[in-house]
Protein backbone atom coordinates (compact mmCIF):
# COMPACT_ATOMS: atom_id res chain seq x y z
CA MET A 1 43.93 59.59 42.89
CA LEU A 2 40.15 59.33 42.64
CA HIS A 3 37.88 62.29 43.27
CA PRO A 4 36.04 62.03 46.64
CA SER A 5 32.70 61.79 44.80
CA ILE A 6 33.89 58.58 43.13
CA TYR A 7 34.74 57.09 46.54
CA VAL A 8 31.27 58.01 47.74
CA LYS A 9 29.59 56.35 44.74
CA LEU A 10 31.69 53.21 45.17
CA MET A 11 31.02 52.92 48.91
CA SER A 12 27.30 53.54 48.40
CA GLU A 13 27.14 50.73 45.84
CA ALA A 14 29.27 48.40 47.97
CA SER A 15 27.09 48.95 51.04
CA ARG A 16 23.91 47.83 49.27
CA THR A 17 24.52 44.25 50.42
CA PRO A 18 26.20 42.85 53.54
CA GLU A 19 28.78 41.16 51.29
CA GLY A 20 30.00 44.61 50.26
CA TYR A 21 30.33 46.04 53.78
CA GLY A 22 34.03 45.17 53.97
CA LEU A 23 34.78 47.08 50.77
CA ALA A 24 32.58 49.98 51.89
CA ALA A 25 34.43 50.15 55.23
CA ALA A 26 37.80 50.15 53.44
CA LEU A 27 36.62 52.99 51.18
CA VAL A 28 35.38 55.00 54.18
CA ASP A 29 38.80 54.56 55.81
CA LYS A 30 40.63 55.46 52.60
CA LEU A 31 38.51 58.58 52.13
CA GLY A 32 39.11 59.60 55.75
CA GLU A 33 42.88 59.40 55.24
CA ARG A 34 42.88 61.86 52.37
CA PRO A 35 44.33 65.30 53.05
CA ASP A 36 41.97 66.90 50.50
CA PHE A 37 38.89 65.57 52.26
CA ASP A 38 36.28 67.97 50.92
CA LEU A 39 32.82 66.58 50.30
CA ARG A 40 29.77 68.20 48.82
CA LEU A 41 26.79 68.19 51.19
CA GLN A 42 25.01 65.38 49.33
CA ASP A 43 28.20 63.27 49.31
CA CYS A 44 28.63 63.90 53.02
CA THR A 45 25.09 62.68 53.64
CA ALA A 46 25.69 59.59 51.49
CA VAL A 47 28.83 58.73 53.50
CA MET A 48 26.87 59.23 56.73
CA LYS A 49 24.20 56.78 55.54
CA VAL A 50 26.85 54.20 54.63
CA CYS A 51 28.45 54.65 58.05
CA VAL A 52 25.10 54.01 59.78
CA LYS A 53 24.89 50.68 57.93
CA LEU A 54 28.46 49.90 58.96
CA ARG A 55 27.71 50.92 62.57
CA ARG A 56 30.41 53.59 62.41
CA TYR A 57 28.43 56.01 64.54
CA VAL A 58 31.43 58.12 65.57
CA VAL A 59 32.14 58.86 61.91
CA VAL A 60 28.50 59.89 61.38
CA GLU A 61 28.72 62.35 64.28
CA SER A 62 32.07 63.69 63.06
CA LEU A 63 30.81 64.27 59.52
CA PHE A 64 27.70 65.97 60.88
CA ARG A 65 29.73 68.39 63.01
CA GLU A 66 32.38 69.08 60.38
CA SER A 67 30.12 69.34 57.32
CA GLY A 68 29.97 73.13 57.50
CA GLY A 69 26.94 75.11 56.55
CA THR A 70 23.41 74.50 57.69
CA PRO A 71 22.52 70.82 58.10
CA THR A 72 19.79 69.53 55.81
CA VAL A 73 16.76 67.55 56.95
CA VAL A 74 18.42 64.45 55.46
CA MET A 75 21.55 65.01 57.54
CA TYR A 76 19.53 65.53 60.72
CA THR A 77 17.44 62.43 59.99
CA THR A 78 20.54 60.34 59.33
CA VAL A 79 22.16 61.38 62.62
CA ILE A 80 18.91 60.81 64.55
CA HIS A 81 18.67 57.34 63.00
CA SER A 82 22.34 56.71 63.81
CA ARG A 83 21.87 57.66 67.46
CA CYS A 84 18.82 55.41 67.68
CA ARG A 85 20.72 52.45 66.23
CA ASP A 86 23.50 53.18 68.72
CA GLY A 87 21.01 53.10 71.61
CA ARG A 88 21.37 56.83 72.34
CA HIS A 89 17.68 57.65 72.19
CA ARG A 90 17.66 60.69 74.48
CA GLU A 91 20.50 62.24 72.45
CA ALA A 92 18.50 61.53 69.30
CA LEU A 93 15.50 63.33 70.79
CA ALA A 94 17.71 66.30 71.67
CA LEU A 95 18.71 66.48 68.00
CA VAL A 96 15.03 66.43 67.00
CA TRP A 97 14.54 69.51 69.15
CA GLU A 98 17.63 71.14 67.63
CA MET A 99 16.30 70.41 64.15
CA GLU A 100 12.97 72.01 65.02
CA GLN A 101 14.67 75.04 66.57
CA SER A 102 16.51 75.58 63.29
CA ASN A 103 13.12 75.67 61.50
CA CYS A 104 14.12 72.72 59.35
CA LEU A 105 11.10 71.45 57.41
CA LEU A 106 10.52 67.77 58.09
CA ASP A 107 10.03 65.30 55.27
CA LEU A 108 8.39 61.88 55.41
CA PRO A 109 11.59 59.97 56.35
CA ALA A 110 12.21 62.45 59.19
CA TYR A 111 8.71 61.91 60.54
CA ARG A 112 9.15 58.13 60.27
CA VAL A 113 12.36 58.19 62.30
CA ILE A 114 10.90 60.58 64.89
CA VAL A 115 7.70 58.56 65.39
CA LYS A 116 9.74 55.39 65.85
CA LEU A 117 12.07 57.19 68.29
CA CYS A 118 9.15 58.46 70.38
CA VAL A 119 7.65 54.97 70.58
CA VAL A 120 10.99 53.49 71.67
CA LEU A 121 11.10 56.14 74.40
CA ARG A 122 7.54 55.07 75.34
CA GLU A 123 6.24 58.52 74.49
CA GLN A 124 3.30 57.43 72.36
CA GLU A 125 1.43 60.71 72.84
CA ARG A 126 4.40 62.64 71.45
CA ALA A 127 4.59 60.18 68.54
CA LEU A 128 0.89 60.74 67.91
CA ARG A 129 1.44 64.51 67.81
CA TYR A 130 4.15 64.04 65.17
CA LEU A 131 1.79 61.80 63.22
CA SER A 132 -0.81 64.60 63.30
CA ARG A 133 1.77 67.16 62.18
CA LEU A 134 2.79 64.85 59.35
CA LYS A 135 -0.82 64.68 58.14
CA GLU A 136 -1.20 68.47 58.47
CA ALA A 137 1.90 68.83 56.28
CA GLY A 138 0.14 66.82 53.56
CA PHE A 139 1.91 63.49 54.01
CA VAL A 140 0.22 60.12 54.37
CA PRO A 141 1.52 58.06 57.30
CA THR A 142 3.18 54.79 56.33
CA GLY A 143 2.23 51.35 57.58
CA ASP A 144 5.34 51.04 59.72
CA MET A 145 4.51 54.32 61.46
CA TYR A 146 1.07 53.01 62.40
CA ASP A 147 2.57 49.61 63.31
CA ASN A 148 5.08 51.25 65.66
CA LEU A 149 2.41 53.36 67.34
CA ILE A 150 -0.03 50.47 67.66
CA GLU A 151 2.67 48.28 69.15
CA GLY A 152 3.64 51.05 71.58
CA TYR A 153 0.07 51.45 72.78
CA ALA A 154 -0.34 47.66 73.00
CA VAL A 155 2.67 47.45 75.33
CA GLU A 156 0.92 49.96 77.57
CA GLY A 157 -2.25 47.86 77.43
CA ARG A 158 -4.20 50.62 75.67
CA LEU A 159 -6.12 48.36 73.32
CA ALA A 160 -8.88 50.90 72.62
CA LYS A 161 -6.22 53.27 71.26
CA CYS A 162 -4.84 50.39 69.18
CA ARG A 163 -8.28 49.77 67.70
CA GLN A 164 -8.70 53.47 66.92
CA LEU A 165 -5.34 53.59 65.11
CA ILE A 166 -6.13 50.41 63.20
CA ARG A 167 -9.45 51.87 61.99
CA GLU A 168 -7.71 55.14 61.05
CA ALA A 169 -5.00 53.33 59.09
CA GLU A 170 -7.45 51.06 57.30
CA SER A 171 -9.74 53.96 56.37
CA ALA A 172 -6.70 55.73 54.89
CA GLY A 173 -5.86 52.61 52.87
CA VAL A 174 -2.64 51.96 54.80
CA LYS A 175 -1.60 48.31 55.03
CA LEU A 176 -0.70 47.15 58.51
CA ASP A 177 1.53 44.29 59.60
CA ARG A 178 -0.76 41.23 59.67
CA ARG A 179 1.43 39.50 62.28
CA LEU A 180 0.99 42.48 64.60
CA LEU A 181 -2.78 42.41 64.09
CA SER A 182 -2.84 38.67 64.73
CA ARG A 183 -0.86 39.05 67.97
CA LEU A 184 -3.22 41.82 69.09
CA SER A 185 -6.24 39.62 68.38
CA GLU A 186 -4.74 36.84 70.48
CA THR A 187 -3.87 39.08 73.43
CA GLY A 188 -6.91 41.32 73.24
CA GLY A 189 -9.39 38.52 72.93
CA GLY A 190 -11.32 40.46 70.32
CA HIS A 191 -11.27 41.29 66.65
CA PHE A 192 -8.72 43.85 65.50
């Protein structure tokens, strides 16, 4: 019988392409059937990430609850991402608050997921606060973070805020989605 870590490596490799999802799902099931199901924290996180790809959100939640110990920022981020993909945005936001209450230090992927979540919830101001915190922590915002925020403000019709964010991103050397900028130019009637 293979060690659980081997299953994790195999399912991670299999889930790299959609063609391997069937094998990855079978390995997740096989691992779940084992009586000696004992994963290291990093293996647990890897399985959670595979399960997000496979849309096995219940498994993600179960692994998160049963992992034992203090959840890592990667685990929190994975569950937040899972809840977002499952359409459970308010529950994802509740987990953000739980993560902050536990004094978990956020990393760049955590900020990316949180900014995107806030925009989906149409809470652009909250997303902007997280973007500011990210910069204060020494990280550089990514293009998709700016794209999400700009798109969120555009939906609200706040084109001046869009322009401000575009200038900020460009002055920081961050590349923005050209299609988004083109759409904004068409709807805003001006240069973006």
